[in-house]
Amino acid sequence: MSDDEKPDAPATPETREERIAPEARGERVAPEARGERIAKWLARCGVASRRDAEALIAEGRVRLENKVVTTPATFIKPGDLVTVDGKMVAEPERTRLFRYHKPAGLVTTHRDPEGRPTVFDNLPAGLPRLVSVGRLDLNSEGLLLLTNDGALARKLELPANGWLRRYRARVHGEVDERALAALAKGVTIEGIAYGPIEAGLDSRQGTNAWLTVALREGKNREVRRVMAHLGLGVTRLIRVAYGPFQLGLLPKGSAEEVNAKVLREQLGLDAPPRRHQQPPAAPKPAPAPGSTPRKPPRARNAGPPPRGQRRRED
């Protein structure tokens, strides 16, 4: 068998030993010298969240310098060649965040085993590789945050942020406003405890009504399950806000980048601001030939020079 025909093999023990986290071998190395963990690096590149990146490694789909990566305790340094499923991963770009108006009928995943259309197959052209901040289920619509930084996505998903997720829900059934108000104390349904929920009636027409629902945890299908517990069927669910970010008038299916100033103010990120070039200063006019340069005026309150001291001439 020729060298070209040999199948790719896992990294040799020596290579793995060099790449495995030094602390795992009982060694101490300065943080700047060891590089960055590969799962975190892949997340910053927008390939996947850190947890999903670790799954890619476990499945043998990640290679470093054409060698299979076998452990997430592997470090990356600038210039290393990394591929996922045979495609080269580019160095991380600056962190970017987008507001996307998700239509109903799309699943929030990169690949759907059932072959259903996905959010990422239907994004506007020209966007970088992105991951979602949380998810909206198939029939939900509205604001979905997308970023090229998987570590940021994970950070923004955490309930510890205390960010309010606000929805408008169209429901079918008899709305009991006292039952809605009681949700502010939280509710347990089939052994699952849901935190406080703010819910109020906006309008009612027959057996259909529009509600505003706000929550901070965002568990899987939480709004639909809580409404079903109250005897209400959700016929339409639109997320209108996620923390400080609003859906606003963003057209359905459109994406709009959050500017650098908002990233710095809301997330503390050092996204480089757009720089506006200042026009060059106009040159000072040259003195006319033979003219004597004027002396700068003396300060008004400077007073006369002390007695016996001659005034200096510049």
Protein backbone atom coordinates (compact mmCIF):
# COMPACT_ATOMS: atom_id res chain seq x y z
CA MET A 1 0.00 0.00 0.00
CA SER A 2 1.43 3.39 -0.98
CA ASP A 3 1.67 6.32 1.41
CA ASP A 4 -1.18 8.02 -0.47
CA GLU A 5 -3.44 5.04 0.12
CA LYS A 6 -2.78 4.68 3.85
CA PRO A 7 -5.78 5.62 6.00
CA ASP A 8 -5.37 8.52 8.40
CA ALA A 9 -4.32 7.32 11.82
CA PRO A 10 -4.81 8.83 15.24
CA ALA A 11 -2.04 11.03 16.53
CA THR A 12 1.05 9.19 17.71
CA PRO A 13 1.60 8.87 21.47
CA GLU A 14 4.38 11.44 21.27
CA THR A 15 2.16 13.97 19.52
CA ARG A 16 -0.71 13.43 21.90
CA GLU A 17 1.66 13.78 24.87
CA GLU A 18 2.90 17.09 23.54
CA ARG A 19 -0.61 18.40 22.95
CA ILE A 20 -2.41 17.17 26.08
CA ALA A 21 -2.92 19.77 28.76
CA PRO A 22 0.32 20.06 30.80
CA GLU A 23 -1.59 20.17 34.10
CA ALA A 24 -3.04 16.75 33.21
CA ARG A 25 0.56 15.50 33.27
CA GLY A 26 1.35 17.24 36.55
CA GLU A 27 3.33 20.05 34.92
CA ARG A 28 3.07 23.79 35.38
CA VAL A 29 3.10 25.96 32.28
CA ALA A 30 2.39 29.66 31.88
CA PRO A 31 -1.14 30.18 30.42
CA GLU A 32 0.17 32.20 27.47
CA ALA A 33 2.59 29.40 26.54
CA ARG A 34 0.15 26.50 26.53
CA GLY A 35 -2.41 27.99 24.10
CA GLU A 36 -6.18 27.51 24.26
CA ARG A 37 -8.25 24.39 24.82
CA ILE A 38 -9.49 23.06 21.51
CA ALA A 39 -13.19 22.89 22.48
CA LYS A 40 -13.15 26.53 23.60
CA TRP A 41 -11.24 27.49 20.46
CA LEU A 42 -13.78 25.73 18.23
CA ALA A 43 -16.57 27.51 20.09
CA ARG A 44 -14.91 30.89 19.51
CA CYS A 45 -14.61 30.01 15.83
CA GLY A 46 -18.36 29.50 15.70
CA VAL A 47 -18.14 25.81 14.82
CA ALA A 48 -20.31 24.71 17.76
CA SER A 49 -20.89 25.36 21.43
CA ARG A 50 -18.15 24.10 23.72
CA ARG A 51 -20.25 21.12 24.76
CA ASP A 52 -21.04 20.22 21.15
CA ALA A 53 -17.38 20.68 20.23
CA GLU A 54 -16.46 18.10 22.86
CA ALA A 55 -19.00 15.74 21.27
CA LEU A 56 -17.36 16.29 17.86
CA ILE A 57 -14.01 15.35 19.40
CA ALA A 58 -15.48 12.22 20.98
CA GLU A 59 -16.83 11.21 17.57
CA GLY A 60 -13.38 11.53 16.00
CA ARG A 61 -14.44 14.32 13.65
CA VAL A 62 -11.79 16.85 14.72
CA ARG A 63 -8.17 16.77 13.51
CA LEU A 64 -5.14 18.76 14.54
CA GLU A 65 -2.32 18.87 11.99
CA ASN A 66 -4.13 16.01 10.19
CA LYS A 67 -4.14 13.83 13.31
CA VAL A 68 -7.35 12.77 15.05
CA VAL A 69 -7.88 14.64 18.31
CA THR A 70 -8.76 12.14 21.02
CA THR A 71 -9.22 14.37 24.06
CA PRO A 72 -10.69 17.84 24.69
CA ALA A 73 -7.65 18.47 26.94
CA THR A 74 -5.75 19.45 23.80
CA PHE A 75 -4.36 22.92 23.25
CA ILE A 76 -4.32 25.08 20.14
CA LYS A 77 -1.71 27.69 19.28
CA PRO A 78 -1.77 30.34 16.54
CA GLY A 79 -1.03 28.83 13.16
CA ASP A 80 -2.20 25.29 14.01
CA LEU A 81 -4.17 23.51 11.28
CA VAL A 82 -7.54 22.27 12.57
CA THR A 83 -10.23 20.55 10.51
CA VAL A 84 -13.75 19.39 11.35
CA ASP A 85 -15.29 16.79 9.03
CA GLY A 86 -12.41 17.44 6.63
CA LYS A 87 -13.04 21.20 6.39
CA MET A 88 -10.40 23.62 7.61
CA VAL A 89 -11.41 25.84 10.50
CA ALA A 90 -10.30 29.45 10.13
CA GLU A 91 -8.82 31.46 13.00
CA PRO A 92 -11.47 33.09 15.20
CA GLU A 93 -12.76 36.43 13.98
CA ARG A 94 -13.83 39.26 16.23
CA THR A 95 -16.97 38.42 18.19
CA ARG A 96 -20.14 39.27 16.31
CA LEU A 97 -23.79 39.07 17.38
CA PHE A 98 -26.90 39.17 15.18
CA ARG A 99 -30.62 39.60 15.78
CA TYR A 100 -32.58 37.18 13.59
CA HIS A 101 -36.35 37.06 13.06
CA LYS A 102 -37.04 33.33 12.95
CA PRO A 103 -40.12 32.28 10.97
CA ALA A 104 -42.27 29.38 12.14
CA GLY A 105 -41.49 26.03 10.48
CA LEU A 106 -37.69 26.03 10.95
CA VAL A 107 -35.76 23.96 13.49
CA THR A 108 -32.92 25.63 15.37
CA THR A 109 -30.14 23.22 14.49
CA HIS A 110 -27.41 22.87 11.88
CA ARG A 111 -28.46 19.37 10.82
CA ASP A 112 -31.85 17.79 11.37
CA PRO A 113 -32.00 13.96 11.29
CA GLU A 114 -35.61 14.18 10.05
CA GLY A 115 -34.63 16.37 7.12
CA ARG A 116 -36.74 19.35 8.20
CA PRO A 117 -35.69 22.84 7.09
CA THR A 118 -33.32 24.54 9.53
CA VAL A 119 -32.63 28.09 10.59
CA PHE A 120 -29.07 27.88 9.31
CA ASP A 121 -30.13 26.68 5.86
CA ASN A 122 -32.35 29.74 5.51
CA LEU A 123 -30.16 32.58 6.77
CA PRO A 124 -29.53 35.57 4.49
CA ALA A 125 -26.46 35.23 2.26
CA GLY A 126 -23.12 36.64 3.32
CA LEU A 127 -23.20 35.78 7.04
CA PRO A 128 -20.32 33.98 8.79
CA ARG A 129 -20.76 30.57 10.37
CA LEU A 130 -23.06 31.13 13.35
CA VAL A 131 -24.49 29.31 16.36
CA SER A 132 -27.69 30.18 18.17
CA VAL A 133 -28.12 31.56 21.67
CA GLY A 134 -30.66 29.07 22.96
CA ARG A 135 -33.38 27.78 20.67
CA LEU A 136 -36.89 28.37 19.45
CA ASP A 137 -38.88 25.26 18.66
CA LEU A 138 -40.28 24.38 15.24
CA ASN A 139 -43.53 26.31 15.50
CA SER A 140 -42.23 29.27 17.51
CA GLU A 141 -41.10 32.49 15.86
CA GLY A 142 -39.54 35.81 16.68
CA LEU A 143 -36.19 36.95 18.06
CA LEU A 144 -33.29 34.51 17.93
CA LEU A 145 -29.78 35.71 18.75
CA LEU A 146 -26.96 34.30 16.60
CA THR A 147 -23.22 34.65 17.15
CA ASN A 148 -19.95 33.45 15.67
CA ASP A 149 -18.61 32.84 19.20
CA GLY A 150 -19.85 29.62 20.78
CA ALA A 151 -18.45 30.58 24.19
CA LEU A 152 -20.51 33.77 24.12
CA ALA A 153 -23.61 31.78 23.12
CA ARG A 154 -23.19 29.54 26.15
CA LYS A 155 -22.66 32.56 28.43
CA LEU A 156 -25.83 34.29 27.23
CA GLU A 157 -27.91 31.12 27.68
CA LEU A 158 -27.16 30.78 31.38
CA PRO A 159 -30.13 31.51 33.69
CA ALA A 160 -27.62 33.20 36.03
CA ASN A 161 -27.69 36.19 33.69
CA GLY A 162 -31.22 36.88 34.93
CA TRP A 163 -32.19 38.07 31.46
CA LEU A 164 -35.92 38.31 30.83
CA ARG A 165 -37.28 36.44 27.79
CA ARG A 166 -40.50 38.12 26.69
CA TYR A 167 -43.13 36.48 24.45
CA ARG A 168 -46.50 37.23 22.94
CA ALA A 169 -48.70 34.16 22.97
CA ARG A 170 -52.01 33.60 21.22
CA VAL A 171 -53.98 31.06 23.18
CA HIS A 172 -57.26 29.22 22.77
CA GLY A 173 -59.48 28.60 25.77
CA GLU A 174 -60.93 30.38 28.78
CA VAL A 175 -58.30 32.65 30.33
CA ASP A 176 -58.35 32.89 34.12
CA GLU A 177 -56.46 36.07 35.01
CA ARG A 178 -56.05 34.98 38.63
CA ALA A 179 -54.36 31.77 37.46
CA LEU A 180 -52.04 33.87 35.27
CA ALA A 181 -51.15 36.09 38.24
CA ALA A 182 -50.40 33.02 40.39
CA LEU A 183 -47.61 32.03 37.98
CA ALA A 184 -45.50 34.80 39.54
CA LYS A 185 -44.86 32.36 42.41
CA GLY A 186 -43.67 29.61 40.05
CA VAL A 187 -45.35 26.31 39.30
CA THR A 188 -44.44 22.61 39.31
CA ILE A 189 -45.78 20.47 36.46
CA GLU A 190 -45.17 16.72 36.27
CA GLY A 191 -42.25 17.00 38.65
CA ILE A 192 -40.58 19.89 36.80
CA ALA A 193 -40.31 23.14 38.77
CA TYR A 194 -40.67 26.32 36.73
CA GLY A 195 -39.54 29.63 38.16
CA PRO A 196 -41.63 32.81 38.46
CA ILE A 197 -43.46 33.78 35.26
CA GLU A 198 -45.02 37.14 34.52
CA ALA A 199 -48.18 36.64 32.46
CA GLY A 200 -50.95 39.06 31.62
CA LEU A 201 -53.96 39.30 29.35
CA ASP A 202 -53.58 41.78 26.48
CA SER A 203 -56.80 41.21 24.52
CA ARG A 204 -59.58 38.68 24.15
CA GLN A 205 -61.91 37.80 21.28
CA GLY A 206 -64.28 34.93 21.92
CA THR A 207 -62.24 31.93 23.05
CA ASN A 208 -59.00 33.34 21.62
CA ALA A 209 -56.74 35.71 23.53
CA TRP A 210 -53.32 37.35 23.31
CA LEU A 211 -51.07 37.16 26.37
CA THR A 212 -47.72 38.69 27.26
CA VAL A 213 -45.47 36.16 28.99
CA ALA A 214 -42.05 36.87 30.49
CA LEU A 215 -39.68 34.39 32.13
CA ARG A 216 -36.02 34.09 33.03
CA GLU A 217 -35.20 30.37 32.80
CA GLY A 218 -36.46 29.39 29.36
CA LYS A 219 -36.73 25.63 29.87
CA ASN A 220 -37.68 23.44 26.92
CA ARG A 221 -41.21 24.32 25.70
CA GLU A 222 -41.86 26.11 28.99
CA VAL A 223 -44.52 28.54 27.77
CA ARG A 224 -46.50 25.85 25.97
CA ARG A 225 -46.38 23.44 28.91
CA VAL A 226 -47.36 26.04 31.48
CA MET A 227 -50.26 27.28 29.34
CA ALA A 228 -51.42 23.70 28.77
CA HIS A 229 -51.37 23.26 32.56
CA LEU A 230 -53.84 26.17 32.72
CA GLY A 231 -56.06 24.55 30.06
CA LEU A 232 -54.90 26.87 27.26
CA GLY A 233 -53.61 25.78 23.88
CA VAL A 234 -50.89 27.98 22.36
CA THR A 235 -51.68 28.60 18.69
CA ARG A 236 -48.93 31.14 18.07
CA LEU A 237 -45.81 32.04 20.06
CA ILE A 238 -43.55 35.00 19.23
CA ARG A 239 -40.44 35.94 21.19
CA VAL A 240 -40.18 39.72 21.20
CA ALA A 241 -37.22 40.28 23.53
CA TYR A 242 -34.20 38.46 24.93
CA GLY A 243 -32.60 40.49 27.70
CA PRO A 244 -31.74 43.94 26.33
CA PHE A 245 -32.23 42.87 22.71
CA GLN A 246 -35.58 43.52 21.03
CA LEU A 247 -37.25 42.06 17.94
CA GLY A 248 -38.61 45.48 17.03
CA LEU A 249 -39.57 45.87 13.38
CA LEU A 250 -37.00 43.40 12.05
CA PRO A 251 -38.62 41.72 9.00
CA LYS A 252 -39.32 37.99 9.19
CA GLY A 253 -36.35 35.96 7.94
CA SER A 254 -33.95 38.93 8.24
CA ALA A 255 -30.79 39.25 10.32
CA GLU A 256 -29.21 42.44 11.60
CA GLU A 257 -25.83 42.76 13.31
CA VAL A 258 -25.63 44.30 16.77
CA ASN A 259 -23.18 47.19 16.59
CA ALA A 260 -19.92 47.33 18.50
CA LYS A 261 -21.07 50.03 20.92
CA VAL A 262 -23.99 47.88 22.12
CA LEU A 263 -21.70 44.85 22.49
CA ARG A 264 -19.39 46.86 24.73
CA GLU A 265 -22.17 48.43 26.80
CA GLN A 266 -24.43 45.39 27.22
CA LEU A 267 -21.94 42.51 27.17
CA GLY A 268 -18.64 44.13 28.08
CA LEU A 269 -17.07 42.85 24.88
CA ASP A 270 -14.12 44.58 23.30
CA ALA A 271 -15.47 44.56 19.76
CA PRO A 272 -13.46 47.14 17.84
CA PRO A 273 -15.54 50.26 17.16
CA ARG A 274 -15.79 51.60 13.68
CA ARG A 275 -13.16 54.22 13.17
CA HIS A 276 -13.92 57.40 11.30
CA GLN A 277 -10.95 58.99 9.65
CA GLN A 278 -10.43 62.61 10.57
CA PRO A 279 -9.74 64.94 7.62
CA PRO A 280 -6.13 66.13 7.54
CA ALA A 281 -5.57 69.52 9.15
CA ALA A 282 -5.17 72.39 6.72
CA PRO A 283 -1.53 73.51 6.44
CA LYS A 284 -0.68 76.89 7.95
CA PRO A 285 -0.09 79.56 5.31
CA ALA A 286 3.58 80.42 4.79
CA PRO A 287 4.60 84.03 5.66
CA ALA A 288 4.95 86.43 2.75
CA PRO A 289 8.53 86.96 1.51
CA GLY A 290 10.28 89.79 3.40
CA SER A 291 7.64 90.04 6.12
CA THR A 292 8.54 89.95 9.81
CA PRO A 293 6.80 87.27 11.88
CA ARG A 294 4.42 88.74 14.45
CA LYS A 295 5.21 88.24 18.11
CA PRO A 296 2.63 86.34 20.15
CA PRO A 297 0.55 88.69 22.31
CA ARG A 298 1.48 89.05 25.97
CA ALA A 299 -1.07 87.80 28.49
CA ARG A 300 -3.31 90.62 29.64
CA ASN A 301 -2.65 90.26 33.35
CA ALA A 302 0.98 89.40 33.10
CA GLY A 303 2.04 92.95 34.14
CA PRO A 304 5.36 94.65 33.37
CA PRO A 305 8.63 92.74 33.83
CA PRO A 306 10.34 93.06 37.23
CA ARG A 307 12.61 96.11 37.69
CA GLY A 308 16.17 95.44 36.58
CA GLN A 309 15.17 92.47 34.43
CA ARG A 310 15.20 92.95 30.69
CA ARG A 311 12.38 91.58 28.64
CA ARG A 312 13.46 88.53 26.67
CA GLU A 313 13.02 88.66 22.93
CA ASP A 314 11.97 85.39 21.32
